[in-house]
C-alpha cells in the first residue's frame, strides 16, 4: 500500500524532442516493448508509444524514468489496458 501511495505522488512528465527522443517520468513498469511499440504503466495510466525503430535507451524503474529513441509516431493513454504485472516477473514466472 505504501508503494501505491508513493507512485501516486511521483511526478509524471512526457517530453518529446523532434519525434526522435522521448523522455517519460512517473513510469512504474514496462509491460512490453519491441521496435514498433512500447507499453508502459505510469502513475497516470497505461501509455502506448508506437513508431518505427524504437529502442529503450535508458530505464530506471527505481526513479520512474524511461528514455525511448526512434521514429515516434503515436503517444496514447489507454485506460482499457489493464496492468499485467512486471515484465520481468512474467518472463521468469514469478
PDB file of N, CA and C in Angstrom:
ATOM      1  N   UNK A   1       0.823  -1.191   0.000  1.00  0.00           N
ATOM      2  CA  UNK A   1       0.000   0.000   0.000  1.00  0.00           C
ATOM      3  C   UNK A   1       0.865   1.251   0.000  1.00  0.00           C
ATOM      4  N   UNK A   2       1.961   1.239   0.740  1.00  0.00           N
ATOM      5  CA  UNK A   2       2.841   2.402   0.781  1.00  0.00           C
ATOM      6  C   UNK A   2       3.441   2.697  -0.580  1.00  0.00           C
ATOM      7  N   UNK A   3       3.792   1.640  -1.342  1.00  0.00           N
ATOM      8  CA  UNK A   3       4.343   1.863  -2.683  1.00  0.00           C
ATOM      9  C   UNK A   3       3.301   2.446  -3.627  1.00  0.00           C
ATOM     10  N   UNK A   4       2.017   2.072  -3.463  1.00  0.00           N
ATOM     11  CA  UNK A   4       0.960   2.655  -4.295  1.00  0.00           C
ATOM     12  C   UNK A   4       0.828   4.146  -4.023  1.00  0.00           C
ATOM     13  N   UNK A   5       0.891   4.531  -2.746  1.00  0.00           N
ATOM     14  CA  UNK A   5       0.807   5.947  -2.399  1.00  0.00           C
ATOM     15  C   UNK A   5       2.014   6.698  -2.931  1.00  0.00           C
ATOM     16  N   UNK A   6       3.202   6.095  -2.830  1.00  0.00           N
ATOM     17  CA  UNK A   6       4.419   6.719  -3.350  1.00  0.00           C
ATOM     18  C   UNK A   6       4.302   6.923  -4.857  1.00  0.00           C
ATOM     19  N   UNK A   7       3.777   5.908  -5.586  1.00  0.00           N
ATOM     20  CA  UNK A   7       3.617   6.009  -7.037  1.00  0.00           C
ATOM     21  C   UNK A   7       2.677   7.145  -7.421  1.00  0.00           C
ATOM     22  N   UNK A   8       1.604   7.322  -6.675  1.00  0.00           N
ATOM     23  CA  UNK A   8       0.655   8.387  -6.998  1.00  0.00           C
ATOM     24  C   UNK A   8       1.278   9.763  -6.804  1.00  0.00           C
ATOM     25  N   UNK A   9       2.221   9.871  -5.879  1.00  0.00           N
ATOM     26  CA  UNK A   9       2.871  11.149  -5.617  1.00  0.00           C
ATOM     27  C   UNK A   9       4.018  11.424  -6.590  1.00  0.00           C
ATOM     28  N   UNK A  10       4.479  10.405  -7.317  1.00  0.00           N
ATOM     29  CA  UNK A  10       5.583  10.559  -8.260  1.00  0.00           C
ATOM     30  C   UNK A  10       5.140  11.471  -9.408  1.00  0.00           C
ATOM     31  N   UNK A  11       5.955  12.455  -9.778  1.00  0.00           N
ATOM     32  CA  UNK A  11       5.579  13.326 -10.893  1.00  0.00           C
ATOM     33  C   UNK A  11       5.578  12.567 -12.216  1.00  0.00           C
ATOM     34  N   UNK A  12       4.699  12.979 -13.109  1.00  0.00           N
ATOM     35  CA  UNK A  12       4.601  12.345 -14.429  1.00  0.00           C
ATOM     36  C   UNK A  12       4.783  13.415 -15.497  1.00  0.00           C
ATOM     37  N   UNK A  13       5.814  13.241 -16.312  1.00  0.00           N
ATOM     38  CA  UNK A  13       6.041  14.150 -17.427  1.00  0.00           C
ATOM     39  C   UNK A  13       6.337  13.341 -18.672  1.00  0.00           C
ATOM     40  N   UNK A  14       5.987  13.922 -19.815  1.00  0.00           N
ATOM     41  CA  UNK A  14       6.282  13.335 -21.118  1.00  0.00           C
ATOM     42  C   UNK A  14       6.911  14.441 -21.956  1.00  0.00           C
ATOM     43  N   UNK A  15       8.154  14.219 -22.399  1.00  0.00           N
ATOM     44  CA  UNK A  15       8.860  15.218 -23.206  1.00  0.00           C
ATOM     45  C   UNK A  15       9.287  14.554 -24.512  1.00  0.00           C
ATOM     46  N   UNK A  16       8.771  15.062 -25.616  1.00  0.00           N
ATOM     47  CA  UNK A  16       9.101  14.544 -26.942  1.00  0.00           C
ATOM     48  C   UNK A  16       9.971  15.570 -27.653  1.00  0.00           C
ATOM     49  N   UNK A  17      11.154  15.124 -28.079  1.00  0.00           N
ATOM     50  CA  UNK A  17      12.091  16.002 -28.767  1.00  0.00           C
ATOM     51  C   UNK A  17      12.199  15.581 -30.232  1.00  0.00           C
ATOM     52  N   UNK A  18      11.614  16.377 -31.111  1.00  0.00           N
ATOM     53  CA  UNK A  18      11.733  16.167 -32.552  1.00  0.00           C
ATOM     54  C   UNK A  18      11.219  14.828 -33.048  1.00  0.00           C
ATOM     55  N   UNK A  19      10.291  14.214 -32.345  1.00  0.00           N
ATOM     56  CA  UNK A  19       9.727  12.906 -32.701  1.00  0.00           C
ATOM     57  C   UNK A  19      10.786  11.809 -32.761  1.00  0.00           C
ATOM     58  N   UNK A  20      11.949  12.050 -32.147  1.00  0.00           N
ATOM     59  CA  UNK A  20      13.028  11.072 -32.181  1.00  0.00           C
ATOM     60  C   UNK A  20      13.495  10.648 -30.800  1.00  0.00           C
ATOM     61  N   UNK A  21      13.186  11.429 -29.788  1.00  0.00           N
ATOM     62  CA  UNK A  21      13.632  11.119 -28.433  1.00  0.00           C
ATOM     63  C   UNK A  21      12.486  11.438 -27.475  1.00  0.00           C
ATOM     64  N   UNK A  22      12.120  10.452 -26.654  1.00  0.00           N
ATOM     65  CA  UNK A  22      11.007  10.612 -25.722  1.00  0.00           C
ATOM     66  C   UNK A  22      11.480  10.304 -24.313  1.00  0.00           C
ATOM     67  N   UNK A  23      11.278  11.251 -23.420  1.00  0.00           N
ATOM     68  CA  UNK A  23      11.589  11.067 -22.001  1.00  0.00           C
ATOM     69  C   UNK A  23      10.277  11.007 -21.240  1.00  0.00           C
ATOM     70  N   UNK A  24      10.130   9.992 -20.390  1.00  0.00           N
ATOM     71  CA  UNK A  24       8.915   9.840 -19.594  1.00  0.00           C
ATOM     72  C   UNK A  24       9.323   9.640 -18.140  1.00  0.00           C
ATOM     73  N   UNK A  25       8.690  10.383 -17.247  1.00  0.00           N
ATOM     74  CA  UNK A  25       8.882  10.158 -15.819  1.00  0.00           C
ATOM     75  C   UNK A  25       7.553   9.690 -15.235  1.00  0.00           C
ATOM     76  N   UNK A  26       7.613   9.110 -14.057  1.00  0.00           N
ATOM     77  CA  UNK A  26       6.403   8.551 -13.449  1.00  0.00           C
ATOM     78  C   UNK A  26       6.103   7.162 -13.964  1.00  0.00           C
ATOM     79  N   UNK A  27       7.115   6.475 -14.483  1.00  0.00           N
ATOM     80  CA  UNK A  27       6.947   5.115 -15.011  1.00  0.00           C
ATOM     81  C   UNK A  27       7.054   4.130 -13.852  1.00  0.00           C
ATOM     82  N   UNK A  28       6.055   3.247 -13.728  1.00  0.00           N
ATOM     83  CA  UNK A  28       6.080   2.245 -12.664  1.00  0.00           C
ATOM     84  C   UNK A  28       6.418   0.857 -13.189  1.00  0.00           C
ATOM     85  N   UNK A  29       6.209   0.607 -14.495  1.00  0.00           N
ATOM     86  CA  UNK A  29       6.519  -0.699 -15.066  1.00  0.00           C
ATOM     87  C   UNK A  29       6.523  -0.597 -16.581  1.00  0.00           C
ATOM     88  N   UNK A  30       7.248  -1.505 -17.225  1.00  0.00           N
ATOM     89  CA  UNK A  30       7.221  -1.644 -18.681  1.00  0.00           C
ATOM     90  C   UNK A  30       6.536  -2.972 -18.968  1.00  0.00           C
ATOM     91  N   UNK A  31       5.369  -2.910 -19.605  1.00  0.00           N
ATOM     92  CA  UNK A  31       4.601  -4.122 -19.892  1.00  0.00           C
ATOM     93  C   UNK A  31       5.190  -4.900 -21.058  1.00  0.00           C
ATOM     94  N   UNK A  32       5.571  -4.183 -22.129  1.00  0.00           N
ATOM     95  CA  UNK A  32       6.163  -4.843 -23.295  1.00  0.00           C
ATOM     96  C   UNK A  32       6.869  -3.785 -24.133  1.00  0.00           C
ATOM     97  N   UNK A  33       7.799  -4.267 -24.969  1.00  0.00           N
ATOM     98  CA  UNK A  33       8.458  -3.350 -25.893  1.00  0.00           C
ATOM     99  C   UNK A  33       9.037  -4.139 -27.052  1.00  0.00           C
ATOM    100  N   UNK A  34       8.997  -3.518 -28.222  1.00  0.00           N
ATOM    101  CA  UNK A  34       9.671  -4.011 -29.415  1.00  0.00           C
ATOM    102  C   UNK A  34       9.964  -2.802 -30.292  1.00  0.00           C
ATOM    103  N   UNK A  35      10.370  -3.029 -31.532  1.00  0.00           N
ATOM    104  CA  UNK A  35      10.761  -1.910 -32.403  1.00  0.00           C
ATOM    105  C   UNK A  35       9.588  -1.054 -32.863  1.00  0.00           C
ATOM    106  N   UNK A  36       8.350  -1.530 -32.661  1.00  0.00           N
ATOM    107  CA  UNK A  36       7.188  -0.771 -33.125  1.00  0.00           C
ATOM    108  C   UNK A  36       6.281  -0.264 -32.009  1.00  0.00           C
ATOM    109  N   UNK A  37       6.424  -0.815 -30.797  1.00  0.00           N
ATOM    110  CA  UNK A  37       5.532  -0.401 -29.713  1.00  0.00           C
ATOM    111  C   UNK A  37       6.184  -0.603 -28.350  1.00  0.00           C
ATOM    112  N   UNK A  38       5.938   0.370 -27.463  1.00  0.00           N
ATOM    113  CA  UNK A  38       6.338   0.262 -26.063  1.00  0.00           C
ATOM    114  C   UNK A  38       5.077   0.519 -25.244  1.00  0.00           C
ATOM    115  N   UNK A  39       4.782  -0.386 -24.309  1.00  0.00           N
ATOM    116  CA  UNK A  39       3.616  -0.255 -23.450  1.00  0.00           C
ATOM    117  C   UNK A  39       4.088  -0.072 -22.017  1.00  0.00           C
ATOM    118  N   UNK A  40       3.768   1.101 -21.454  1.00  0.00           N
ATOM    119  CA  UNK A  40       4.236   1.475 -20.123  1.00  0.00           C
ATOM    120  C   UNK A  40       3.085   1.609 -19.158  1.00  0.00           C
ATOM    121  N   UNK A  41       3.350   1.267 -17.910  1.00  0.00           N
ATOM    122  CA  UNK A  41       2.430   1.593 -16.834  1.00  0.00           C
ATOM    123  C   UNK A  41       3.008   2.822 -16.146  1.00  0.00           C
ATOM    124  N   UNK A  42       2.227   3.892 -16.077  1.00  0.00           N
ATOM    125  CA  UNK A  42       2.670   5.121 -15.421  1.00  0.00           C
ATOM    126  C   UNK A  42       1.735   5.429 -14.256  1.00  0.00           C
ATOM    127  N   UNK A  43       2.107   6.418 -13.468  1.00  0.00           N
ATOM    128  CA  UNK A  43       1.257   6.823 -12.350  1.00  0.00           C
ATOM    129  C   UNK A  43      -0.054   7.435 -12.840  1.00  0.00           C
ATOM    130  N   UNK A  44      -0.137   7.767 -14.115  1.00  0.00           N
ATOM    131  CA  UNK A  44      -1.356   8.336 -14.694  1.00  0.00           C
ATOM    132  C   UNK A  44      -2.074   7.387 -15.641  1.00  0.00           C
ATOM    133  N   UNK A  45      -1.677   6.133 -15.677  1.00  0.00           N
ATOM    134  CA  UNK A  45      -2.348   5.142 -16.522  1.00  0.00           C
ATOM    135  C   UNK A  45      -1.387   4.518 -17.521  1.00  0.00           C
ATOM    136  N   UNK A  46      -1.928   3.618 -18.328  1.00  0.00           N
ATOM    137  CA  UNK A  46      -1.137   2.924 -19.334  1.00  0.00           C
ATOM    138  C   UNK A  46      -0.831   3.875 -20.491  1.00  0.00           C
ATOM    139  N   UNK A  47       0.427   3.898 -20.917  1.00  0.00           N
ATOM    140  CA  UNK A  47       0.857   4.761 -22.015  1.00  0.00           C
ATOM    141  C   UNK A  47       1.392   3.890 -23.142  1.00  0.00           C
ATOM    142  N   UNK A  48       0.829   4.063 -24.336  1.00  0.00           N
ATOM    143  CA  UNK A  48       1.254   3.323 -25.521  1.00  0.00           C
ATOM    144  C   UNK A  48       2.091   4.260 -26.386  1.00  0.00           C
ATOM    145  N   UNK A  49       3.275   3.792 -26.765  1.00  0.00           N
ATOM    146  CA  UNK A  49       4.161   4.539 -27.661  1.00  0.00           C
ATOM    147  C   UNK A  49       4.315   3.683 -28.914  1.00  0.00           C
ATOM    148  N   UNK A  50       3.998   4.239 -30.074  1.00  0.00           N
ATOM    149  CA  UNK A  50       4.148   3.495 -31.323  1.00  0.00           C
ATOM    150  C   UNK A  50       5.040   4.266 -32.276  1.00  0.00           C
ATOM    151  N   UNK A  51       5.740   3.511 -33.120  1.00  0.00           N
ATOM    152  CA  UNK A  51       6.620   4.125 -34.095  1.00  0.00           C
ATOM    153  C   UNK A  51       7.427   3.071 -34.817  1.00  0.00           C
ATOM    154  N   UNK A  52       8.595   3.461 -35.293  1.00  0.00           N
ATOM    155  CA  UNK A  52       9.475   2.548 -36.015  1.00  0.00           C
ATOM    156  C   UNK A  52      10.889   2.678 -35.461  1.00  0.00           C
ATOM    157  N   UNK A  53      11.576   1.555 -35.385  1.00  0.00           N
ATOM    158  CA  UNK A  53      12.951   1.567 -34.895  1.00  0.00           C
ATOM    159  C   UNK A  53      13.076   2.007 -33.455  1.00  0.00           C
ATOM    160  N   UNK A  54      12.048   1.740 -32.642  1.00  0.00           N
ATOM    161  CA  UNK A  54      12.070   2.159 -31.250  1.00  0.00           C
ATOM    162  C   UNK A  54      13.023   1.287 -30.448  1.00  0.00           C
ATOM    163  N   UNK A  55      13.762   1.914 -29.569  1.00  0.00           N
ATOM    164  CA  UNK A  55      14.557   1.160 -28.610  1.00  0.00           C
ATOM    165  C   UNK A  55      14.628   1.928 -27.295  1.00  0.00           C
ATOM    166  N   UNK A  56      14.636   1.167 -26.219  1.00  0.00           N
ATOM    167  CA  UNK A  56      14.713   1.747 -24.886  1.00  0.00           C
ATOM    168  C   UNK A  56      16.178   2.069 -24.615  1.00  0.00           C
ATOM    169  N   UNK A  57      16.467   3.338 -24.585  1.00  0.00           N
ATOM    170  CA  UNK A  57      17.841   3.801 -24.364  1.00  0.00           C
ATOM    171  C   UNK A  57      18.219   3.731 -22.886  1.00  0.00           C
ATOM    172  N   UNK A  58      17.252   4.090 -22.018  1.00  0.00           N
ATOM    173  CA  UNK A  58      17.518   4.067 -20.576  1.00  0.00           C
ATOM    174  C   UNK A  58      16.219   3.758 -19.848  1.00  0.00           C
ATOM    175  N   UNK A  59      16.309   2.884 -18.844  1.00  0.00           N
ATOM    176  CA  UNK A  59      15.170   2.546 -17.995  1.00  0.00           C
ATOM    177  C   UNK A  59      15.652   2.489 -16.559  1.00  0.00           C
ATOM    178  N   UNK A  60      15.062   3.312 -15.717  1.00  0.00           N
ATOM    179  CA  UNK A  60      15.370   3.323 -14.288  1.00  0.00           C
ATOM    180  C   UNK A  60      14.053   3.312 -13.527  1.00  0.00           C
ATOM    181  N   UNK A  61      13.542   2.104 -13.258  1.00  0.00           N
ATOM    182  CA  UNK A  61      12.251   1.996 -12.599  1.00  0.00           C
ATOM    183  C   UNK A  61      12.276   2.561 -11.181  1.00  0.00           C
ATOM    184  N   UNK A  62      13.413   2.455 -10.499  1.00  0.00           N
ATOM    185  CA  UNK A  62      13.500   2.999  -9.141  1.00  0.00           C
ATOM    186  C   UNK A  62      13.226   4.502  -9.151  1.00  0.00           C
ATOM    187  N   UNK A  63      13.705   5.178 -10.175  1.00  0.00           N
ATOM    188  CA  UNK A  63      13.491   6.619 -10.314  1.00  0.00           C
ATOM    189  C   UNK A  63      12.244   6.924 -11.142  1.00  0.00           C
ATOM    190  N   UNK A  64      11.656   5.891 -11.772  1.00  0.00           N
ATOM    191  CA  UNK A  64      10.464   6.087 -12.594  1.00  0.00           C
ATOM    192  C   UNK A  64      10.752   6.759 -13.915  1.00  0.00           C
ATOM    193  N   UNK A  65      11.953   6.547 -14.479  1.00  0.00           N
ATOM    194  CA  UNK A  65      12.345   7.254 -15.703  1.00  0.00           C
ATOM    195  C   UNK A  65      12.598   6.296 -16.862  1.00  0.00           C
ATOM    196  N   UNK A  66      12.216   6.740 -18.053  1.00  0.00           N
ATOM    197  CA  UNK A  66      12.413   5.969 -19.276  1.00  0.00           C
ATOM    198  C   UNK A  66      12.802   6.920 -20.397  1.00  0.00           C
ATOM    199  N   UNK A  67      13.737   6.478 -21.237  1.00  0.00           N
ATOM    200  CA  UNK A  67      14.127   7.226 -22.427  1.00  0.00           C
ATOM    201  C   UNK A  67      14.010   6.285 -23.620  1.00  0.00           C
ATOM    202  N   UNK A  68      13.195   6.662 -24.604  1.00  0.00           N
ATOM    203  CA  UNK A  68      12.987   5.877 -25.819  1.00  0.00           C
ATOM    204  C   UNK A  68      13.481   6.701 -27.001  1.00  0.00           C
ATOM    205  N   UNK A  69      14.219   6.043 -27.897  1.00  0.00           N
ATOM    206  CA  UNK A  69      14.664   6.697 -29.121  1.00  0.00           C
ATOM    207  C   UNK A  69      14.163   5.915 -30.319  1.00  0.00           C
ATOM    208  N   UNK A  70      13.989   6.615 -31.436  1.00  0.00           N
ATOM    209  CA  UNK A  70      13.477   6.035 -32.666  1.00  0.00           C
ATOM    210  C   UNK A  70      12.515   7.008 -33.319  1.00  0.00           C
ATOM    211  N   UNK A  71      11.810   6.556 -34.332  1.00  0.00           N
ATOM    212  CA  UNK A  71      10.819   7.402 -35.011  1.00  0.00           C
ATOM    213  C   UNK A  71       9.474   7.213 -34.322  1.00  0.00           C
ATOM    214  N   UNK A  72       9.089   8.205 -33.505  1.00  0.00           N
ATOM    215  CA  UNK A  72       7.886   8.117 -32.688  1.00  0.00           C
ATOM    216  C   UNK A  72       6.704   8.684 -33.465  1.00  0.00           C
ATOM    217  N   UNK A  73       5.664   7.865 -33.612  1.00  0.00           N
ATOM    218  CA  UNK A  73       4.504   8.268 -34.391  1.00  0.00           C
ATOM    219  C   UNK A  73       3.243   8.474 -33.579  1.00  0.00           C
ATOM    220  N   UNK A  74       3.163   7.867 -32.370  1.00  0.00           N
ATOM    221  CA  UNK A  74       1.932   7.949 -31.589  1.00  0.00           C
ATOM    222  C   UNK A  74       2.230   7.819 -30.108  1.00  0.00           C
ATOM    223  N   UNK A  75       1.586   8.656 -29.321  1.00  0.00           N
ATOM    224  CA  UNK A  75       1.556   8.548 -27.863  1.00  0.00           C
ATOM    225  C   UNK A  75       0.095   8.526 -27.459  1.00  0.00           C
ATOM    226  N   UNK A  76      -0.298   7.505 -26.711  1.00  0.00           N
ATOM    227  CA  UNK A  76      -1.713   7.390 -26.364  1.00  0.00           C
ATOM    228  C   UNK A  76      -1.863   6.755 -24.988  1.00  0.00           C
ATOM    229  N   UNK A  77      -2.715   7.367 -24.161  1.00  0.00           N
ATOM    230  CA  UNK A  77      -3.060   6.758 -22.888  1.00  0.00           C
ATOM    231  C   UNK A  77      -4.217   5.801 -23.147  1.00  0.00           C
ATOM    232  N   UNK A  78      -4.065   4.574 -22.655  1.00  0.00           N
ATOM    233  CA  UNK A  78      -5.064   3.538 -22.901  1.00  0.00           C
ATOM    234  C   UNK A  78      -5.599   3.039 -21.568  1.00  0.00           C
ATOM    235  N   UNK A  79      -6.749   3.570 -21.161  1.00  0.00           N
ATOM    236  CA  UNK A  79      -7.339   3.179 -19.891  1.00  0.00           C
ATOM    237  C   UNK A  79      -7.972   1.797 -19.938  1.00  0.00           C
ATOM    238  N   UNK A  80      -8.148   1.242 -21.148  1.00  0.00           N
ATOM    239  CA  UNK A  80      -8.753  -0.086 -21.258  1.00  0.00           C
ATOM    240  C   UNK A  80      -7.736  -1.200 -21.062  1.00  0.00           C
ATOM    241  N   UNK A  81      -6.431  -0.888 -21.163  1.00  0.00           N
ATOM    242  CA  UNK A  81      -5.382  -1.897 -20.985  1.00  0.00           C
ATOM    243  C   UNK A  81      -5.073  -2.022 -19.499  1.00  0.00           C
ATOM    244  N   UNK A  82      -5.375  -3.175 -18.938  1.00  0.00           N
ATOM    245  CA  UNK A  82      -5.127  -3.406 -17.515  1.00  0.00           C
ATOM    246  C   UNK A  82      -3.670  -3.809 -17.297  1.00  0.00           C
ATOM    247  N   UNK A  83      -3.048  -3.317 -16.232  1.00  0.00           N
ATOM    248  CA  UNK A  83      -1.685  -3.747 -15.916  1.00  0.00           C
ATOM    249  C   UNK A  83      -1.635  -5.253 -15.720  1.00  0.00           C
ATOM    250  N   UNK A  84      -0.572  -5.902 -16.225  1.00  0.00           N
ATOM    251  CA  UNK A  84      -0.461  -7.356 -16.151  1.00  0.00           C
ATOM    252  C   UNK A  84       0.653  -7.821 -15.235  1.00  0.00           C
ATOM    253  N   UNK A  85       1.237  -6.938 -14.487  1.00  0.00           N
ATOM    254  CA  UNK A  85       2.370  -7.320 -13.649  1.00  0.00           C
ATOM    255  C   UNK A  85       3.668  -7.023 -14.364  1.00  0.00           C
ATOM    256  N   UNK A  86       4.733  -7.096 -13.642  1.00  0.00           N
ATOM    257  CA  UNK A  86       6.051  -6.750 -14.161  1.00  0.00           C
ATOM    258  C   UNK A  86       6.466  -7.631 -15.324  1.00  0.00           C
ATOM    259  N   UNK A  87       7.117  -7.033 -16.314  1.00  0.00           N
ATOM    260  CA  UNK A  87       7.644  -7.777 -17.460  1.00  0.00           C
ATOM    261  C   UNK A  87       8.641  -8.828 -16.984  1.00  0.00           C
ATOM    262  N   UNK A  88       9.511  -8.468 -16.056  1.00  0.00           N
ATOM    263  CA  UNK A  88      10.479  -9.432 -15.533  1.00  0.00           C
ATOM    264  C   UNK A  88       9.789 -10.568 -14.803  1.00  0.00           C
ATOM    265  N   UNK A  89       8.771 -10.265 -14.044  1.00  0.00           N
ATOM    266  CA  UNK A  89       8.021 -11.324 -13.348  1.00  0.00           C
ATOM    267  C   UNK A  89       7.360 -12.259 -14.341  1.00  0.00           C
ATOM    268  N   UNK A  90       6.814 -11.716 -15.437  1.00  0.00           N
ATOM    269  CA  UNK A  90       6.173 -12.581 -16.436  1.00  0.00           C
ATOM    270  C   UNK A  90       7.197 -13.420 -17.160  1.00  0.00           C
ATOM    271  N   UNK A  91       8.377 -12.852 -17.455  1.00  0.00           N
ATOM    272  CA  UNK A  91       9.419 -13.599 -18.149  1.00  0.00           C
ATOM    273  C   UNK A  91       9.968 -14.752 -17.317  1.00  0.00           C
ATOM    274  N   UNK A  92      10.123 -14.511 -16.018  1.00  0.00           N
ATOM    275  CA  UNK A  92      10.723 -15.509 -15.157  1.00  0.00           C
ATOM    276  C   UNK A  92       9.709 -16.258 -14.297  1.00  0.00           C
ATOM    277  N   UNK A  93       8.421 -16.051 -14.570  1.00  0.00           N
ATOM    278  CA  UNK A  93       7.371 -16.805 -13.897  1.00  0.00           C
ATOM    279  C   UNK A  93       7.257 -16.561 -12.413  1.00  0.00           C
ATOM    280  N   UNK A  94       7.551 -15.361 -11.984  1.00  0.00           N
ATOM    281  CA  UNK A  94       7.445 -15.016 -10.560  1.00  0.00           C
ATOM    282  C   UNK A  94       6.040 -14.674 -10.202  1.00  0.00           C
TER     283      UNK A  94
END
